Amino acid sequence: QVHVVESGGGLVQPGGSLRLSCAASGSISSIVLVEWHRQAPGQQREWVATITLTSSPRPNYADFVEGRFTISRGNGKNMVYLQMTSLKPEDTAVYYCYVNGFWGQGTLVNVSS
């Protein structure tokens, strides 16, 4: 069992930045990768980024990221971050962290002037 909590969302102007955090607790020793997904209003949930929690973490991104987001891990296996820059209105969504089959409750990112 893994408990997942996202944080860091909020209202930001176009072109701004936010850093989202994903905190995992419980059976974290078995975690090998963490994913960020997002769901915009009226849209299906879509994958954003993945990072492997190995000695050499390998990030992978959806095409729409276009170099604007960076996924990274903290010192342990229990924290993963999503640094988002050059935000666009179309990035508005609830962002979810997915860990070993468990979802968090999501954090809302609203990009608006």
C-alpha atoms as a PDB file:
ATOM      1  CA  GLN A   1       0.000   0.000   0.000  1.00  0.00           C
ATOM      2  CA  VAL A   2       1.304   3.443  -0.935  1.00  0.00           C
ATOM      3  CA  HIS A   3      -0.270   6.723   0.159  1.00  0.00           C
ATOM      4  CA  VAL A   4       0.307   9.559  -2.302  1.00  0.00           C
ATOM      5  CA  VAL A   5      -0.129  13.280  -1.673  1.00  0.00           C
ATOM      6  CA  GLU A   6       0.411  16.014  -4.239  1.00  0.00           C
ATOM      7  CA  SER A   7       0.932  19.687  -3.450  1.00  0.00           C
ATOM      8  CA  GLY A   8       2.176  22.906  -4.999  1.00  0.00           C
ATOM      9  CA  GLY A   9      -0.627  23.760  -7.380  1.00  0.00           C
ATOM     10  CA  GLY A  10      -2.191  27.192  -7.627  1.00  0.00           C
ATOM     11  CA  LEU A  11      -3.023  30.127  -9.843  1.00  0.00           C
ATOM     12  CA  VAL A  12      -0.218  31.391 -12.066  1.00  0.00           C
ATOM     13  CA  GLN A  13      -0.048  33.779 -14.990  1.00  0.00           C
ATOM     14  CA  PRO A  14       0.920  32.564 -18.477  1.00  0.00           C
ATOM     15  CA  GLY A  15       4.686  32.294 -18.688  1.00  0.00           C
ATOM     16  CA  GLY A  16       4.996  31.654 -14.975  1.00  0.00           C
ATOM     17  CA  SER A  17       6.382  28.705 -13.065  1.00  0.00           C
ATOM     18  CA  LEU A  18       5.247  26.248 -10.414  1.00  0.00           C
ATOM     19  CA  ARG A  19       6.850  23.309  -8.658  1.00  0.00           C
ATOM     20  CA  LEU A  20       4.610  20.397  -7.798  1.00  0.00           C
ATOM     21  CA  SER A  21       5.544  17.897  -5.120  1.00  0.00           C
ATOM     22  CA  CYS A  22       4.574  14.250  -4.795  1.00  0.00           C
ATOM     23  CA  ALA A  23       5.032  12.681  -1.376  1.00  0.00           C
ATOM     24  CA  ALA A  24       4.706   8.920  -1.004  1.00  0.00           C
ATOM     25  CA  SER A  25       4.434   6.954   2.223  1.00  0.00           C
ATOM     26  CA  GLY A  26       3.844   3.345   3.112  1.00  0.00           C
ATOM     27  CA  SER A  27       5.546   0.614   1.092  1.00  0.00           C
ATOM     28  CA  ILE A  28       7.965   2.976  -0.624  1.00  0.00           C
ATOM     29  CA  SER A  29      10.872   0.530  -0.773  1.00  0.00           C
ATOM     30  CA  SER A  30       9.190  -1.205  -3.719  1.00  0.00           C
ATOM     31  CA  ILE A  31       8.753   1.966  -5.766  1.00  0.00           C
ATOM     32  CA  VAL A  32      10.700   1.861  -9.026  1.00  0.00           C
ATOM     33  CA  LEU A  33       9.092   4.663 -10.974  1.00  0.00           C
ATOM     34  CA  VAL A  34       6.789   7.618 -10.452  1.00  0.00           C
ATOM     35  CA  GLU A  35       4.539   9.275 -13.003  1.00  0.00           C
ATOM     36  CA  TRP A  36       2.793  12.607 -13.262  1.00  0.00           C
ATOM     37  CA  HIS A  37      -0.502  12.785 -15.124  1.00  0.00           C
ATOM     38  CA  ARG A  38      -2.989  15.594 -15.604  1.00  0.00           C
ATOM     39  CA  GLN A  39      -6.670  15.985 -16.341  1.00  0.00           C
ATOM     40  CA  ALA A  40      -8.077  19.166 -17.801  1.00  0.00           C
ATOM     41  CA  PRO A  41     -11.774  20.026 -17.410  1.00  0.00           C
ATOM     42  CA  GLY A  42     -13.844  17.854 -19.718  1.00  0.00           C
ATOM     43  CA  GLN A  43     -10.783  15.952 -20.913  1.00  0.00           C
ATOM     44  CA  GLN A  44      -9.355  12.510 -20.303  1.00  0.00           C
ATOM     45  CA  ARG A  45      -6.436  12.097 -17.947  1.00  0.00           C
ATOM     46  CA  GLU A  46      -3.132  12.197 -19.828  1.00  0.00           C
ATOM     47  CA  TRP A  47       0.409  11.237 -18.996  1.00  0.00           C
ATOM     48  CA  VAL A  48       2.907  14.061 -18.414  1.00  0.00           C
ATOM     49  CA  ALA A  49       6.211  12.602 -17.236  1.00  0.00           C
ATOM     50  CA  THR A  50       7.892   9.580 -15.658  1.00  0.00           C
ATOM     51  CA  ILE A  51      11.061   9.117 -13.658  1.00  0.00           C
ATOM     52  CA  THR A  52      12.732   5.871 -12.649  1.00  0.00           C
ATOM     53  CA  LEU A  53      13.895   5.738  -9.041  1.00  0.00           C
ATOM     54  CA  THR A  54      17.237   4.089  -9.694  1.00  0.00           C
ATOM     55  CA  SER A  55      20.801   5.184  -9.046  1.00  0.00           C
ATOM     56  CA  SER A  56      20.666   6.845 -12.482  1.00  0.00           C
ATOM     57  CA  PRO A  57      17.150   8.279 -12.736  1.00  0.00           C
ATOM     58  CA  ARG A  58      15.798   8.389 -16.269  1.00  0.00           C
ATOM     59  CA  PRO A  59      13.122  10.988 -16.996  1.00  0.00           C
ATOM     60  CA  ASN A  60      10.700  10.759 -19.870  1.00  0.00           C
ATOM     61  CA  TYR A  61       8.200  13.379 -21.036  1.00  0.00           C
ATOM     62  CA  ALA A  62       5.090  13.739 -23.138  1.00  0.00           C
ATOM     63  CA  ASP A  63       5.609  15.606 -26.403  1.00  0.00           C
ATOM     64  CA  PHE A  64       3.548  18.589 -25.280  1.00  0.00           C
ATOM     65  CA  VAL A  65       6.031  19.316 -22.487  1.00  0.00           C
ATOM     66  CA  GLU A  66       8.462  20.684 -25.089  1.00  0.00           C
ATOM     67  CA  GLY A  67      11.313  21.091 -22.591  1.00  0.00           C
ATOM     68  CA  ARG A  68       9.265  23.235 -20.183  1.00  0.00           C
ATOM     69  CA  PHE A  69       8.889  20.704 -17.354  1.00  0.00           C
ATOM     70  CA  THR A  70      11.484  18.836 -15.318  1.00  0.00           C
ATOM     71  CA  ILE A  71      10.717  15.766 -13.219  1.00  0.00           C
ATOM     72  CA  SER A  72      13.160  14.999 -10.442  1.00  0.00           C
ATOM     73  CA  ARG A  73      13.432  12.997  -7.249  1.00  0.00           C
ATOM     74  CA  GLY A  74      14.306  14.014  -3.758  1.00  0.00           C
ATOM     75  CA  ASN A  75      17.018  12.333  -1.701  1.00  0.00           C
ATOM     76  CA  GLY A  76      14.846   9.350  -0.842  1.00  0.00           C
ATOM     77  CA  LYS A  77      12.198   7.417  -2.700  1.00  0.00           C
ATOM     78  CA  ASN A  78       9.399   9.318  -1.055  1.00  0.00           C
ATOM     79  CA  MET A  79       9.572  12.655  -2.903  1.00  0.00           C
ATOM     80  CA  VAL A  80       9.282  13.471  -6.570  1.00  0.00           C
ATOM     81  CA  TYR A  81       8.934  16.938  -8.043  1.00  0.00           C
ATOM     82  CA  LEU A  82       7.616  18.429 -11.255  1.00  0.00           C
ATOM     83  CA  GLN A  83       9.125  21.815 -12.029  1.00  0.00           C
ATOM     84  CA  MET A  84       6.973  23.577 -14.592  1.00  0.00           C
ATOM     85  CA  THR A  85       8.079  26.697 -16.442  1.00  0.00           C
ATOM     86  CA  SER A  86       6.717  28.773 -19.338  1.00  0.00           C
ATOM     87  CA  LEU A  87       3.221  27.699 -18.348  1.00  0.00           C
ATOM     88  CA  LYS A  88       0.420  28.092 -20.857  1.00  0.00           C
ATOM     89  CA  PRO A  89      -3.334  28.339 -20.321  1.00  0.00           C
ATOM     90  CA  GLU A  90      -3.647  24.881 -21.866  1.00  0.00           C
ATOM     91  CA  ASP A  91      -1.588  23.497 -18.972  1.00  0.00           C
ATOM     92  CA  THR A  92      -4.542  24.190 -16.687  1.00  0.00           C
ATOM     93  CA  ALA A  93      -5.517  20.868 -15.141  1.00  0.00           C
ATOM     94  CA  VAL A  94      -5.530  18.792 -12.001  1.00  0.00           C
ATOM     95  CA  TYR A  95      -2.126  17.167 -11.765  1.00  0.00           C
ATOM     96  CA  TYR A  96      -1.896  13.681 -10.300  1.00  0.00           C
ATOM     97  CA  CYS A  97       1.000  11.586  -9.086  1.00  0.00           C
ATOM     98  CA  TYR A  98       0.893   7.844  -9.788  1.00  0.00           C
ATOM     99  CA  VAL A  99       3.037   5.523  -7.687  1.00  0.00           C
ATOM    100  CA  ASN A 100       2.975   1.705  -7.840  1.00  0.00           C
ATOM    101  CA  GLY A 101      -0.664   1.645  -8.900  1.00  0.00           C
ATOM    102  CA  PHE A 102      -1.822   4.286  -6.421  1.00  0.00           C
ATOM    103  CA  TRP A 103      -3.119   7.766  -7.244  1.00  0.00           C
ATOM    104  CA  GLY A 104      -3.056  10.860  -5.126  1.00  0.00           C
ATOM    105  CA  GLN A 105      -5.968  13.264  -4.839  1.00  0.00           C
ATOM    106  CA  GLY A 106      -4.396  15.709  -7.278  1.00  0.00           C
ATOM    107  CA  THR A 107      -3.402  19.359  -7.128  1.00  0.00           C
ATOM    108  CA  LEU A 108      -5.011  22.031  -9.296  1.00  0.00           C
ATOM    109  CA  VAL A 109      -2.890  24.150 -11.597  1.00  0.00           C
ATOM    110  CA  ASN A 110      -4.701  27.143 -13.073  1.00  0.00           C
ATOM    111  CA  VAL A 111      -2.809  29.169 -15.682  1.00  0.00           C
ATOM    112  CA  SER A 112      -4.705  32.368 -16.276  1.00  0.00           C
ATOM    113  CA  SER A 113      -4.176  36.112 -16.550  1.00  0.00           C
END
